[in-house]
Every structure is written in structure tokens, then in C-alpha cells.
Amino acid sequence: MNEEQVWRGEYGIETSATADIIWSIFRDVPGWKVWNAGIERIDIDGPFAAGTWFTMKPPGQDPLRSKLVEVRENECFVDETRVGLLAITVSHRIESPGAGRTRIVYAAEAVGPEASEVGPAVASDFPEVLASLAKLAEGRST
């Protein structure tokens, strides 16, 4: 029996936008496609709360079903996507390092077959997504 594969990656960016503003952007799930080029279409099946499912369609790919597994206002939300035996979890954290700065962190974990290939592919656009998110949030701060 093969050992379960695990891959983890973490990416972050600092911004002058407040946690409230970042959270308002996170809560607007249909609006994610505005700042995330990896989303062609996205639909959420209920409130932005733990247990709610959403469907995200990346450009040129089949839609993926994901579930919000943890939601803590102005702090973080975590979603999980399962593809066969592979589970991909992404934590979206809002941290306060101080001095009027806010840090947005995406931490991804892939567990299961092909985790070491799929994990980096899933996270490959995180730096660009975070930069776009920070720019949008800063624009709403002024």
C-alpha cells in the first residue's frame, strides 16, 4: 500500500486595507471572478458559512464542487475540494502584523494520490490572485 502523499504551500501579501474590507470581498463569492483570473464562473448554494457548498469553474476546465469547512468573520475561511481520493484544502487567513498593515495568507494542502503534482498546480496562481485581491481592497479603502 502506498503512503498517502501530502503537499503544503503558503503564500502571503501585506496590504494597507483593513480586515473588514478584505472580509467583505471574501464574503462576496460571486464577485471572486473579478479579482481571481482562475475563476470563470462561481455559484454559492447558501450563506457564506461553514457547511455551505459552492461550484467554481476554472477557465477551460470542468466545474469543481467545494465546501466551506470553517468560516470566522474577519479572520479566515477554509474550503475543501475533493477529486476522487484527493482532498485539497485552502485556508484564506487575514492577519494583523501591526503598524496599520494587514496580511492576507493563502495556505494550501493537498492530501492523497498525486498531491505533489496537483497541489503546486492549484497554488500556482496564488501570488497573482493575492496581488489582485490586495489591489482591489486598497482601492476600496480610499
C-alpha atoms as a PDB file:
ATOM      1  CA  MET A   1       0.000   0.000   0.000  1.00  0.00           C
ATOM      2  CA  ASN A   2       1.317   3.438  -0.926  1.00  0.00           C
ATOM      3  CA  GLU A   3       1.867   6.060   1.718  1.00  0.00           C
ATOM      4  CA  GLU A   4      -0.528   8.962   1.444  1.00  0.00           C
ATOM      5  CA  GLN A   5       1.043  11.897  -0.353  1.00  0.00           C
ATOM      6  CA  VAL A   6       0.886  15.336   1.257  1.00  0.00           C
ATOM      7  CA  TRP A   7       1.821  18.695  -0.239  1.00  0.00           C
ATOM      8  CA  ARG A   8       1.645  22.061   1.530  1.00  0.00           C
ATOM      9  CA  GLY A   9       2.299  25.595   0.348  1.00  0.00           C
ATOM     10  CA  GLU A  10       1.730  29.030   1.821  1.00  0.00           C
ATOM     11  CA  TYR A  11       1.671  32.425   0.147  1.00  0.00           C
ATOM     12  CA  GLY A  12       1.031  35.851   1.644  1.00  0.00           C
ATOM     13  CA  ILE A  13       0.916  39.553   0.856  1.00  0.00           C
ATOM     14  CA  GLU A  14       0.735  42.657   3.037  1.00  0.00           C
ATOM     15  CA  THR A  15      -1.723  45.458   2.360  1.00  0.00           C
ATOM     16  CA  SER A  16      -2.926  48.699   3.909  1.00  0.00           C
ATOM     17  CA  ALA A  17      -6.564  47.544   3.561  1.00  0.00           C
ATOM     18  CA  THR A  18      -8.407  46.672   6.765  1.00  0.00           C
ATOM     19  CA  ALA A  19      -9.613  43.197   7.715  1.00  0.00           C
ATOM     20  CA  ASP A  20     -13.228  44.442   7.343  1.00  0.00           C
ATOM     21  CA  ILE A  21     -12.676  45.410   3.718  1.00  0.00           C
ATOM     22  CA  ILE A  22     -10.872  42.165   2.874  1.00  0.00           C
ATOM     23  CA  TRP A  23     -13.624  40.172   4.585  1.00  0.00           C
ATOM     24  CA  SER A  24     -16.331  41.991   2.587  1.00  0.00           C
ATOM     25  CA  ILE A  25     -14.535  40.914  -0.611  1.00  0.00           C
ATOM     26  CA  PHE A  26     -14.218  37.298   0.619  1.00  0.00           C
ATOM     27  CA  ARG A  27     -17.939  37.180   1.549  1.00  0.00           C
ATOM     28  CA  ASP A  28     -18.949  38.257  -1.975  1.00  0.00           C
ATOM     29  CA  VAL A  29     -18.413  34.824  -3.528  1.00  0.00           C
ATOM     30  CA  PRO A  30     -19.970  35.644  -6.944  1.00  0.00           C
ATOM     31  CA  GLY A  31     -17.559  38.609  -7.111  1.00  0.00           C
ATOM     32  CA  TRP A  32     -14.443  36.435  -6.732  1.00  0.00           C
ATOM     33  CA  LYS A  33     -14.129  36.212 -10.524  1.00  0.00           C
ATOM     34  CA  VAL A  34     -13.464  39.991 -10.598  1.00  0.00           C
ATOM     35  CA  TRP A  35     -10.097  39.591  -8.831  1.00  0.00           C
ATOM     36  CA  ASN A  36      -9.310  35.899  -9.434  1.00  0.00           C
ATOM     37  CA  ALA A  37      -8.467  35.134 -13.079  1.00  0.00           C
ATOM     38  CA  GLY A  38      -8.650  31.406 -12.236  1.00  0.00           C
ATOM     39  CA  ILE A  39     -12.447  31.637 -11.946  1.00  0.00           C
ATOM     40  CA  GLU A  40     -14.671  31.816 -14.992  1.00  0.00           C
ATOM     41  CA  ARG A  41     -17.894  31.304 -13.022  1.00  0.00           C
ATOM     42  CA  ILE A  42     -18.766  30.678  -9.380  1.00  0.00           C
ATOM     43  CA  ASP A  43     -22.046  29.981  -7.598  1.00  0.00           C
ATOM     44  CA  ILE A  44     -22.654  29.501  -3.861  1.00  0.00           C
ATOM     45  CA  ASP A  45     -25.523  27.324  -2.597  1.00  0.00           C
ATOM     46  CA  GLY A  46     -26.315  29.334   0.536  1.00  0.00           C
ATOM     47  CA  PRO A  47     -24.819  31.715   3.079  1.00  0.00           C
ATOM     48  CA  PHE A  48     -21.083  32.312   3.455  1.00  0.00           C
ATOM     49  CA  ALA A  49     -20.903  29.913   6.403  1.00  0.00           C
ATOM     50  CA  ALA A  50     -19.386  26.563   7.337  1.00  0.00           C
ATOM     51  CA  GLY A  51     -21.177  23.695   5.608  1.00  0.00           C
ATOM     52  CA  THR A  52     -22.178  25.675   2.505  1.00  0.00           C
ATOM     53  CA  TRP A  53     -21.167  24.289  -0.894  1.00  0.00           C
ATOM     54  CA  PHE A  54     -20.070  26.306  -3.905  1.00  0.00           C
ATOM     55  CA  THR A  55     -19.302  25.448  -7.526  1.00  0.00           C
ATOM     56  CA  MET A  56     -16.321  27.056  -9.230  1.00  0.00           C
ATOM     57  CA  LYS A  57     -15.487  26.738 -12.921  1.00  0.00           C
ATOM     58  CA  PRO A  58     -11.879  27.495 -13.881  1.00  0.00           C
ATOM     59  CA  PRO A  59     -11.384  28.675 -17.484  1.00  0.00           C
ATOM     60  CA  GLY A  60     -11.226  25.701 -19.866  1.00  0.00           C
ATOM     61  CA  GLN A  61     -11.863  23.144 -17.111  1.00  0.00           C
ATOM     62  CA  ASP A  62     -14.789  21.261 -15.618  1.00  0.00           C
ATOM     63  CA  PRO A  63     -16.564  22.835 -12.634  1.00  0.00           C
ATOM     64  CA  LEU A  64     -15.375  21.845  -9.157  1.00  0.00           C
ATOM     65  CA  ARG A  65     -17.589  21.459  -6.082  1.00  0.00           C
ATOM     66  CA  SER A  66     -16.117  22.802  -2.863  1.00  0.00           C
ATOM     67  CA  LYS A  67     -17.363  23.120   0.693  1.00  0.00           C
ATOM     68  CA  LEU A  68     -16.738  25.874   3.231  1.00  0.00           C
ATOM     69  CA  VAL A  69     -15.476  23.879   6.227  1.00  0.00           C
ATOM     70  CA  GLU A  70     -14.629  26.819   8.507  1.00  0.00           C
ATOM     71  CA  VAL A  71     -15.676  30.491   8.462  1.00  0.00           C
ATOM     72  CA  ARG A  72     -14.539  33.008  11.117  1.00  0.00           C
ATOM     73  CA  GLU A  73     -15.533  36.592  10.341  1.00  0.00           C
ATOM     74  CA  ASN A  74     -12.607  38.962   9.670  1.00  0.00           C
ATOM     75  CA  GLU A  75     -10.153  36.105  10.445  1.00  0.00           C
ATOM     76  CA  CYS A  76     -10.321  33.240   7.957  1.00  0.00           C
ATOM     77  CA  PHE A  77     -12.281  30.857   5.856  1.00  0.00           C
ATOM     78  CA  VAL A  78     -11.293  27.373   4.772  1.00  0.00           C
ATOM     79  CA  ASP A  79     -12.631  25.473   1.784  1.00  0.00           C
ATOM     80  CA  GLU A  80     -12.181  21.862   0.782  1.00  0.00           C
ATOM     81  CA  THR A  81     -12.372  20.340  -2.676  1.00  0.00           C
ATOM     82  CA  ARG A  82     -12.313  16.580  -3.219  1.00  0.00           C
ATOM     83  CA  VAL A  83     -11.411  14.986  -6.533  1.00  0.00           C
ATOM     84  CA  GLY A  84     -11.619  11.223  -6.167  1.00  0.00           C
ATOM     85  CA  LEU A  85      -9.302  10.272  -3.302  1.00  0.00           C
ATOM     86  CA  LEU A  86      -7.509  13.635  -3.386  1.00  0.00           C
ATOM     87  CA  ALA A  87      -8.524  16.347  -0.895  1.00  0.00           C
ATOM     88  CA  ILE A  88      -7.412  19.949  -1.394  1.00  0.00           C
ATOM     89  CA  THR A  89      -7.901  22.366   1.488  1.00  0.00           C
ATOM     90  CA  VAL A  90      -7.205  26.089   1.205  1.00  0.00           C
ATOM     91  CA  SER A  91      -7.137  28.374   4.233  1.00  0.00           C
ATOM     92  CA  HIS A  92      -7.631  32.083   3.486  1.00  0.00           C
ATOM     93  CA  ARG A  93      -6.368  33.995   6.537  1.00  0.00           C
ATOM     94  CA  ILE A  94      -6.425  37.670   7.482  1.00  0.00           C
ATOM     95  CA  GLU A  95      -3.630  38.521   9.913  1.00  0.00           C
ATOM     96  CA  SER A  96      -2.659  41.783  11.616  1.00  0.00           C
ATOM     97  CA  PRO A  97       1.136  42.135  11.778  1.00  0.00           C
ATOM     98  CA  GLY A  98       0.732  45.685  13.153  1.00  0.00           C
ATOM     99  CA  ALA A  99       1.581  49.222  12.054  1.00  0.00           C
ATOM    100  CA  GLY A 100      -1.701  49.609  10.156  1.00  0.00           C
ATOM    101  CA  ARG A 101      -0.904  46.669   7.889  1.00  0.00           C
ATOM    102  CA  THR A 102      -2.934  43.566   7.142  1.00  0.00           C
ATOM    103  CA  ARG A 103      -1.504  40.301   5.820  1.00  0.00           C
ATOM    104  CA  ILE A 104      -3.585  38.038   3.577  1.00  0.00           C
ATOM    105  CA  VAL A 105      -2.356  34.430   3.604  1.00  0.00           C
ATOM    106  CA  TYR A 106      -3.427  31.518   1.420  1.00  0.00           C
ATOM    107  CA  ALA A 107      -2.285  28.159   2.807  1.00  0.00           C
ATOM    108  CA  ALA A 108      -2.990  25.118   0.648  1.00  0.00           C
ATOM    109  CA  GLU A 109      -2.766  21.445   1.498  1.00  0.00           C
ATOM    110  CA  ALA A 110      -3.277  18.542  -0.878  1.00  0.00           C
ATOM    111  CA  VAL A 111      -3.607  15.033   0.557  1.00  0.00           C
ATOM    112  CA  GLY A 112      -3.890  11.857  -1.462  1.00  0.00           C
ATOM    113  CA  PRO A 113      -2.832  10.457  -4.826  1.00  0.00           C
ATOM    114  CA  GLU A 114      -0.863  12.918  -6.979  1.00  0.00           C
ATOM    115  CA  ALA A 115      -0.831  15.542  -4.183  1.00  0.00           C
ATOM    116  CA  SER A 116       2.718  16.560  -5.074  1.00  0.00           C
ATOM    117  CA  GLU A 117       1.624  17.345  -8.656  1.00  0.00           C
ATOM    118  CA  VAL A 118      -1.869  18.748  -8.065  1.00  0.00           C
ATOM    119  CA  GLY A 119      -1.007  20.910  -5.030  1.00  0.00           C
ATOM    120  CA  PRO A 120       1.546  23.118  -6.801  1.00  0.00           C
ATOM    121  CA  ALA A 121      -0.752  23.394  -9.844  1.00  0.00           C
ATOM    122  CA  VAL A 122      -3.671  24.552  -7.673  1.00  0.00           C
ATOM    123  CA  ALA A 123      -1.490  27.091  -5.843  1.00  0.00           C
ATOM    124  CA  SER A 124       0.455  28.303  -8.893  1.00  0.00           C
ATOM    125  CA  ASP A 125      -1.645  31.446  -9.324  1.00  0.00           C
ATOM    126  CA  PHE A 126      -1.875  32.361  -5.619  1.00  0.00           C
ATOM    127  CA  PRO A 127       0.731  35.182  -5.829  1.00  0.00           C
ATOM    128  CA  GLU A 128      -1.185  36.846  -8.691  1.00  0.00           C
ATOM    129  CA  VAL A 129      -4.561  36.272  -7.018  1.00  0.00           C
ATOM    130  CA  LEU A 130      -3.303  37.789  -3.748  1.00  0.00           C
ATOM    131  CA  ALA A 131      -1.840  40.814  -5.563  1.00  0.00           C
ATOM    132  CA  SER A 132      -5.140  41.392  -7.377  1.00  0.00           C
ATOM    133  CA  LEU A 133      -7.123  40.978  -4.135  1.00  0.00           C
ATOM    134  CA  ALA A 134      -4.857  43.438  -2.269  1.00  0.00           C
ATOM    135  CA  LYS A 135      -5.156  45.999  -5.083  1.00  0.00           C
ATOM    136  CA  LEU A 136      -8.958  45.743  -5.072  1.00  0.00           C
ATOM    137  CA  ALA A 137      -9.093  46.024  -1.262  1.00  0.00           C
ATOM    138  CA  GLU A 138      -6.776  49.044  -1.231  1.00  0.00           C
ATOM    139  CA  GLY A 139      -8.967  50.708  -3.870  1.00  0.00           C
ATOM    140  CA  ARG A 140     -11.973  50.286  -1.571  1.00  0.00           C
ATOM    141  CA  SER A 141     -10.001  51.717   1.356  1.00  0.00           C
ATOM    142  CA  THR A 142      -9.624  55.196  -0.125  1.00  0.00           C
END
